[in-house]
Amino acid sequence: MGPVMSDQPRVSVIVPAYNRASTIERTLDSVLAQTHTNLQLIVVDDASTDATVERARLVGQEFPLTLIEQPCNGGACRARNAGLAAADGDFVAFLDSDDTWDPRFLEVLLARFADAGPEVGCAVASYRIYGDDGRVKGELIQGAEGDISQEMLRKNLIGATSCALIRTEVMRAIGGFDAAYPACQDYDLFIRLSQATRFTSTPEILFLYQDVDDPGRITRNQRKRLAGHLLIYRRHLRAHLKGDRHARANYMNYIGDILMRMGRPRAARRMFVGYAWVYKRKLRNYPRILMAAARVSPARYAAGMVLINRFYLLLKRVLGPGLAQRL
């Protein structure tokens, strides 16, 4: 890591960790490899029972990091908020302890802030999703610009928390993460951010998301996912969905996917058909309706979705993202 330039904005990078001994060094190395060098690195250990703390301390021998050890496991939201309380940077970013950034992640997003002006409080990067086998499962190309508050009520445009760089004062003004959510904390965060500030983004893929088959991940706990989406509905979406059929269809899409992964294909089919009624040209939805009608197992559904997403990525390369997006 090069010398710190005093005229660079200071960025506080917060890495929450729970039993990530096998991945945390790789994650922290991706922070230390950043071309933007004015960093405060904060690792919040959420009462790990493996060697996560010891691995973080090894990295701390190369770069002065702040290690916060939580006395008991309180979940990712509380861990992130503990890091936010200790942050002294102008900007704050949250990187999950099994994911990685491209070395230019902070540099590019800070440039987007400089171009967009002081009224922008959040910048997001595009990202690619990898599976257990190291193959690409999907990607999200960001296009969020300006006031996206109404679009965020239609669907989660941004995705994972680790793709964002946020002004610290804005993050603190909205109260940080809401620990009441068992899942969907990222969606709740970006809804509240969109109501408080403007966004900017880059189409460059600068974040690598590891969607590994780990039962400890919140995204693998379908009951928590369902509870999280229902809380999003009660707190943010109830009134909006009544007057926006597209938002209502997108919500049905989320719930249908969860129900299939919970082994409830009959209920999922109703959700997918409701989505197809609004988005008739979304061809990717019809194989899901067929899988629900055939009552395939959650494992077969998950494998089918991986194939569908990989086929869609191929279409994007052949047809271009604009045309593929409409399919």
Protein backbone atom coordinates (compact mmCIF):
# COMPACT_ATOMS: atom_id res chain seq x y z
CA MET A 1 0.00 0.00 0.00
CA GLY A 2 1.40 3.38 -1.05
CA PRO A 3 1.87 6.48 1.10
CA VAL A 4 -1.25 8.30 2.30
CA MET A 5 -1.90 11.61 0.53
CA SER A 6 -3.24 14.18 2.99
CA ASP A 7 -5.43 15.88 0.36
CA GLN A 8 -7.34 12.64 -0.31
CA PRO A 9 -10.76 12.22 1.29
CA ARG A 10 -10.58 9.80 4.20
CA VAL A 11 -12.59 6.58 3.84
CA SER A 12 -13.56 4.35 6.75
CA VAL A 13 -13.88 0.74 5.57
CA ILE A 14 -15.91 -1.45 7.94
CA VAL A 15 -15.63 -5.24 7.70
CA PRO A 16 -18.10 -7.17 9.90
CA ALA A 17 -17.03 -10.76 10.46
CA TYR A 18 -18.40 -13.91 12.04
CA ASN A 19 -16.49 -17.19 11.65
CA ARG A 20 -14.74 -16.08 8.46
CA ALA A 21 -11.23 -17.35 9.19
CA SER A 22 -11.04 -18.93 5.74
CA THR A 23 -11.86 -15.73 3.82
CA ILE A 24 -11.16 -12.63 5.89
CA GLU A 25 -7.50 -12.28 4.90
CA ARG A 26 -8.45 -12.26 1.21
CA THR A 27 -11.13 -9.65 1.92
CA LEU A 28 -8.79 -7.41 3.91
CA ASP A 29 -6.05 -7.77 1.31
CA SER A 30 -8.48 -6.37 -1.27
CA VAL A 31 -8.92 -3.31 0.97
CA LEU A 32 -5.17 -2.83 1.41
CA ALA A 33 -4.72 -3.13 -2.37
CA GLN A 34 -6.91 -0.05 -3.02
CA THR A 35 -5.36 2.66 -5.17
CA HIS A 36 -7.00 5.19 -2.85
CA THR A 37 -4.78 5.09 0.21
CA ASN A 38 -6.25 7.41 2.86
CA LEU A 39 -8.06 4.65 4.75
CA GLN A 40 -9.29 3.76 8.18
CA LEU A 41 -9.80 -0.01 8.32
CA ILE A 42 -12.21 -1.30 10.98
CA VAL A 43 -12.84 -5.01 11.56
CA VAL A 44 -15.80 -5.85 13.81
CA ASP A 45 -15.69 -9.43 15.01
CA ASP A 46 -19.17 -10.63 15.99
CA ALA A 47 -18.03 -13.12 18.66
CA SER A 48 -16.47 -15.61 16.25
CA THR A 49 -15.63 -19.08 17.54
CA ASP A 50 -12.93 -19.79 14.93
CA ALA A 51 -9.63 -18.05 14.11
CA THR A 52 -11.17 -14.96 12.51
CA VAL A 53 -9.68 -12.57 15.10
CA GLU A 54 -6.22 -14.11 14.82
CA ARG A 55 -6.29 -13.83 11.00
CA ALA A 56 -7.38 -10.19 11.23
CA ARG A 57 -4.52 -9.46 13.64
CA LEU A 58 -2.06 -10.93 11.15
CA VAL A 59 -3.27 -8.41 8.56
CA GLY A 60 -3.03 -5.74 11.27
CA GLN A 61 0.71 -6.29 11.39
CA GLU A 62 0.89 -4.84 7.86
CA PHE A 63 -1.58 -1.99 8.28
CA PRO A 64 -2.91 -0.31 11.44
CA LEU A 65 -6.47 -1.55 11.68
CA THR A 66 -9.04 -1.05 14.41
CA LEU A 67 -10.32 -4.38 15.76
CA ILE A 68 -13.62 -4.29 17.64
CA GLU A 69 -14.54 -7.54 19.39
CA GLN A 70 -18.24 -7.84 20.18
CA PRO A 71 -18.93 -9.61 23.52
CA CYS A 72 -21.72 -11.74 22.01
CA ASN A 73 -23.08 -12.49 18.56
CA GLY A 74 -25.55 -9.75 17.65
CA GLY A 75 -25.78 -10.04 13.87
CA ALA A 76 -24.31 -8.13 10.95
CA CYS A 77 -26.38 -4.97 11.44
CA ARG A 78 -25.18 -4.40 15.00
CA ALA A 79 -21.62 -5.19 13.94
CA ARG A 80 -21.78 -2.66 11.10
CA ASN A 81 -23.26 -0.03 13.43
CA ALA A 82 -20.45 -0.61 15.92
CA GLY A 83 -17.99 0.07 13.12
CA LEU A 84 -19.92 3.16 12.03
CA ALA A 85 -19.69 4.56 15.58
CA ALA A 86 -15.88 4.26 15.40
CA ALA A 87 -15.54 5.69 11.88
CA ASP A 88 -13.64 8.97 11.44
CA GLY A 89 -13.67 9.16 7.62
CA ASP A 90 -15.52 11.54 5.32
CA PHE A 91 -16.95 8.47 3.60
CA VAL A 92 -17.84 5.01 4.85
CA ALA A 93 -18.00 1.66 3.06
CA PHE A 94 -19.04 -1.78 4.30
CA LEU A 95 -17.35 -4.87 2.89
CA ASP A 96 -18.57 -8.32 3.91
CA SER A 97 -15.81 -10.60 5.12
CA ASP A 98 -16.09 -13.12 2.27
CA ASP A 99 -16.27 -10.62 -0.61
CA THR A 100 -13.61 -8.56 -2.41
CA TRP A 101 -13.19 -5.23 -4.18
CA ASP A 102 -11.30 -4.39 -7.34
CA PRO A 103 -8.25 -2.23 -6.45
CA ARG A 104 -9.93 0.81 -8.08
CA PHE A 105 -13.24 0.48 -6.20
CA LEU A 106 -12.75 3.48 -3.91
CA GLU A 107 -10.89 5.56 -6.51
CA VAL A 108 -13.68 5.25 -9.09
CA LEU A 109 -16.54 5.90 -6.67
CA LEU A 110 -14.80 8.93 -5.15
CA ALA A 111 -14.40 10.29 -8.68
CA ARG A 112 -18.15 9.81 -9.20
CA PHE A 113 -18.77 11.87 -6.05
CA ALA A 114 -16.46 14.61 -7.33
CA ASP A 115 -18.29 14.73 -10.67
CA ALA A 116 -21.79 14.54 -9.19
CA GLY A 117 -21.47 17.26 -6.56
CA PRO A 118 -22.09 17.61 -2.81
CA GLU A 119 -25.83 16.85 -2.97
CA VAL A 120 -25.00 13.20 -3.77
CA GLY A 121 -24.63 11.05 -0.67
CA CYS A 122 -24.20 7.53 -2.10
CA ALA A 123 -22.22 6.06 -5.02
CA VAL A 124 -22.54 2.44 -6.11
CA ALA A 125 -20.47 0.11 -8.28
CA SER A 126 -21.58 -2.70 -10.56
CA TYR A 127 -20.72 -6.20 -9.44
CA ARG A 128 -20.41 -9.82 -10.48
CA ILE A 129 -21.73 -12.81 -8.53
CA TYR A 130 -19.72 -16.03 -8.21
CA GLY A 131 -20.84 -19.46 -7.00
CA ASP A 132 -19.12 -22.26 -5.10
CA ASP A 133 -17.46 -23.53 -8.26
CA GLY A 134 -15.91 -20.15 -9.05
CA ARG A 135 -18.12 -19.67 -12.11
CA VAL A 136 -20.12 -16.52 -12.73
CA LYS A 137 -23.74 -16.82 -11.59
CA GLY A 138 -24.88 -13.32 -12.51
CA GLU A 139 -24.05 -9.64 -12.47
CA LEU A 140 -25.70 -6.32 -11.68
CA ILE A 141 -24.83 -3.31 -13.82
CA GLN A 142 -25.69 -0.17 -11.89
CA GLY A 143 -27.51 2.79 -13.39
CA ALA A 144 -28.80 4.65 -10.32
CA GLU A 145 -28.57 8.42 -10.77
CA GLY A 146 -30.17 11.31 -8.89
CA ASP A 147 -33.38 10.83 -6.95
CA ILE A 148 -34.19 7.09 -7.04
CA SER A 149 -36.61 7.03 -4.09
CA GLN A 150 -39.63 5.99 -6.17
CA GLU A 151 -37.66 3.41 -8.14
CA MET A 152 -36.41 1.85 -4.89
CA LEU A 153 -40.01 1.26 -3.83
CA ARG A 154 -40.52 -0.65 -7.06
CA LYS A 155 -37.54 -2.97 -6.54
CA ASN A 156 -34.07 -3.12 -4.99
CA LEU A 157 -32.02 -1.49 -7.74
CA ILE A 158 -28.77 -1.50 -5.80
CA GLY A 159 -28.43 -4.97 -4.31
CA ALA A 160 -25.59 -5.78 -1.93
CA THR A 161 -24.34 -3.39 0.75
CA SER A 162 -20.70 -3.96 -0.21
CA CYS A 163 -21.11 -2.19 -3.57
CA ALA A 164 -21.72 1.25 -1.98
CA LEU A 165 -19.65 4.20 -0.79
CA ILE A 166 -21.64 6.58 1.43
CA ARG A 167 -21.01 9.99 2.97
CA THR A 168 -20.54 9.31 6.69
CA GLU A 169 -22.74 12.22 7.75
CA VAL A 170 -25.60 10.87 5.60
CA MET A 171 -25.19 7.35 6.96
CA ARG A 172 -25.35 8.63 10.52
CA ALA A 173 -28.27 10.93 9.76
CA ILE A 174 -30.47 7.98 8.74
CA GLY A 175 -29.47 6.03 11.85
CA GLY A 176 -27.24 3.37 10.29
CA PHE A 177 -28.54 -0.18 9.85
CA ASP A 178 -31.85 -1.32 11.32
CA ALA A 179 -31.15 -4.40 13.43
CA ALA A 180 -34.86 -5.27 13.54
CA TYR A 181 -34.54 -6.89 10.11
CA PRO A 182 -33.73 -10.62 10.10
CA ALA A 183 -32.85 -10.21 6.39
CA CYS A 184 -33.22 -7.55 3.64
CA GLN A 185 -31.17 -5.07 5.68
CA ASP A 186 -29.55 -3.87 2.45
CA TYR A 187 -32.91 -3.15 0.80
CA ASP A 188 -34.12 -1.24 3.86
CA LEU A 189 -30.88 0.73 3.98
CA PHE A 190 -31.03 1.78 0.34
CA ILE A 191 -34.71 2.74 0.58
CA ARG A 192 -33.92 5.04 3.51
CA LEU A 193 -30.80 6.40 1.81
CA SER A 194 -32.79 7.12 -1.37
CA GLN A 195 -35.27 9.15 0.70
CA ALA A 196 -32.47 11.16 2.30
CA THR A 197 -29.99 11.79 -0.53
CA ARG A 198 -29.21 11.46 -4.23
CA PHE A 199 -27.26 8.63 -5.87
CA THR A 200 -24.62 8.17 -8.52
CA SER A 201 -23.13 5.00 -10.00
CA THR A 202 -20.60 3.42 -12.34
CA PRO A 203 -21.16 0.61 -14.85
CA GLU A 204 -17.68 -0.71 -14.08
CA ILE A 205 -17.64 -4.07 -12.26
CA LEU A 206 -15.59 -3.28 -9.16
CA PHE A 207 -17.04 -5.64 -6.56
CA LEU A 208 -16.97 -9.45 -6.53
CA TYR A 209 -19.79 -11.05 -4.57
CA GLN A 210 -19.29 -14.63 -3.36
CA ASP A 211 -22.68 -16.37 -3.30
CA VAL A 212 -21.39 -19.52 -1.66
CA ASP A 213 -23.49 -22.42 -0.40
CA ASP A 214 -23.06 -21.51 3.27
CA PRO A 215 -26.07 -22.27 5.49
CA GLY A 216 -24.87 -19.57 7.89
CA ARG A 217 -25.52 -16.81 5.39
CA ILE A 218 -28.74 -14.87 5.88
CA THR A 219 -29.42 -15.17 2.14
CA ARG A 220 -29.55 -18.98 2.60
CA ASN A 221 -32.13 -18.79 5.40
CA GLN A 222 -35.41 -18.56 3.52
CA ARG A 223 -37.55 -18.02 6.62
CA LYS A 224 -35.45 -15.00 7.50
CA ARG A 225 -35.66 -13.77 3.92
CA LEU A 226 -39.44 -14.07 3.99
CA ALA A 227 -39.67 -12.30 7.35
CA GLY A 228 -37.39 -9.54 6.04
CA HIS A 229 -39.49 -8.94 2.92
CA LEU A 230 -42.69 -8.88 4.97
CA LEU A 231 -41.14 -6.23 7.24
CA ILE A 232 -40.07 -4.22 4.18
CA TYR A 233 -43.68 -4.43 3.00
CA ARG A 234 -45.10 -3.21 6.31
CA ARG A 235 -42.60 -0.38 6.78
CA HIS A 236 -42.08 0.89 3.25
CA LEU A 237 -44.21 -0.71 0.55
CA ARG A 238 -47.78 -1.23 1.78
CA ALA A 239 -49.24 2.06 0.51
CA HIS A 240 -47.04 2.21 -2.59
CA LEU A 241 -47.95 -1.27 -3.87
CA LYS A 242 -51.66 -0.43 -3.96
CA GLY A 243 -51.13 2.14 -6.72
CA ASP A 244 -48.19 0.66 -8.65
CA ARG A 245 -48.81 -2.66 -10.39
CA HIS A 246 -45.17 -2.94 -11.45
CA ALA A 247 -43.98 -2.58 -7.86
CA ARG A 248 -46.60 -5.10 -6.76
CA ALA A 249 -45.43 -7.55 -9.45
CA ASN A 250 -41.78 -7.18 -8.42
CA TYR A 251 -42.72 -7.87 -4.81
CA MET A 252 -44.58 -11.01 -5.89
CA ASN A 253 -41.45 -12.03 -7.80
CA TYR A 254 -39.31 -11.79 -4.64
CA ILE A 255 -41.82 -13.76 -2.57
CA GLY A 256 -42.23 -16.43 -5.27
CA ASP A 257 -38.50 -17.08 -5.34
CA ILE A 258 -38.41 -17.45 -1.56
CA LEU A 259 -41.41 -19.79 -1.53
CA MET A 260 -39.79 -22.05 -4.13
CA ARG A 261 -36.62 -22.25 -2.05
CA MET A 262 -38.77 -23.08 1.00
CA GLY A 263 -40.41 -25.98 -0.85
CA ARG A 264 -43.80 -24.35 -1.39
CA PRO A 265 -44.20 -24.48 -5.19
CA ARG A 266 -48.00 -24.16 -5.30
CA ALA A 267 -47.91 -20.79 -3.51
CA ALA A 268 -44.84 -19.75 -5.53
CA ARG A 269 -46.65 -20.47 -8.80
CA ARG A 270 -49.35 -17.94 -7.92
CA MET A 271 -46.65 -15.31 -7.31
CA PHE A 272 -44.86 -16.04 -10.60
CA VAL A 273 -48.12 -15.96 -12.57
CA GLY A 274 -48.95 -12.59 -10.99
CA TYR A 275 -45.54 -11.29 -12.05
CA ALA A 276 -46.00 -12.64 -15.60
CA TRP A 277 -49.38 -10.92 -15.87
CA VAL A 278 -47.59 -7.56 -15.65
CA TYR A 279 -44.25 -8.48 -17.29
CA LYS A 280 -45.46 -10.68 -20.13
CA ARG A 281 -42.27 -10.21 -22.17
CA LYS A 282 -39.95 -11.32 -19.37
CA LEU A 283 -39.19 -14.71 -20.86
CA ARG A 284 -36.98 -15.73 -17.94
CA ASN A 285 -40.07 -15.98 -15.75
CA TYR A 286 -41.78 -18.77 -17.70
CA PRO A 287 -39.29 -21.54 -16.81
CA ARG A 288 -39.93 -20.64 -13.17
CA ILE A 289 -43.67 -21.07 -13.67
CA LEU A 290 -43.00 -24.48 -15.21
CA MET A 291 -40.72 -25.50 -12.33
CA ALA A 292 -43.36 -24.42 -9.83
CA ALA A 293 -46.07 -26.32 -11.73
CA ALA A 294 -43.86 -29.42 -11.78
CA ARG A 295 -43.26 -28.97 -8.04
CA VAL A 296 -39.51 -29.41 -8.33
CA SER A 297 -37.48 -29.58 -5.13
CA PRO A 298 -35.74 -26.47 -3.74
CA ALA A 299 -32.39 -27.91 -4.82
CA ARG A 300 -33.55 -28.47 -8.41
CA TYR A 301 -35.08 -25.01 -8.49
CA ALA A 302 -31.84 -23.41 -7.28
CA ALA A 303 -29.84 -25.32 -9.92
CA GLY A 304 -32.36 -24.29 -12.58
CA MET A 305 -32.05 -20.64 -11.61
CA VAL A 306 -28.27 -20.80 -11.93
CA LEU A 307 -28.64 -22.12 -15.49
CA ILE A 308 -31.24 -19.47 -16.36
CA ASN A 309 -29.03 -16.67 -15.05
CA ARG A 310 -25.99 -17.95 -16.93
CA PHE A 311 -28.02 -18.16 -20.13
CA TYR A 312 -29.17 -14.57 -19.57
CA LEU A 313 -25.55 -13.44 -19.18
CA LEU A 314 -24.78 -15.07 -22.53
CA LEU A 315 -27.73 -13.25 -24.10
CA LYS A 316 -26.42 -9.94 -22.76
CA ARG A 317 -23.08 -10.54 -24.44
CA VAL A 318 -24.74 -11.50 -27.74
CA LEU A 319 -27.64 -9.04 -27.86
CA GLY A 320 -26.31 -6.26 -25.68
CA PRO A 321 -27.60 -5.30 -22.21
CA GLY A 322 -30.38 -3.04 -23.51
CA LEU A 323 -32.21 -5.69 -25.51
CA ALA A 324 -31.46 -8.51 -23.06
CA GLN A 325 -32.90 -6.46 -20.19
CA ARG A 326 -36.32 -6.55 -21.83
CA LEU A 327 -36.35 -10.36 -22.09
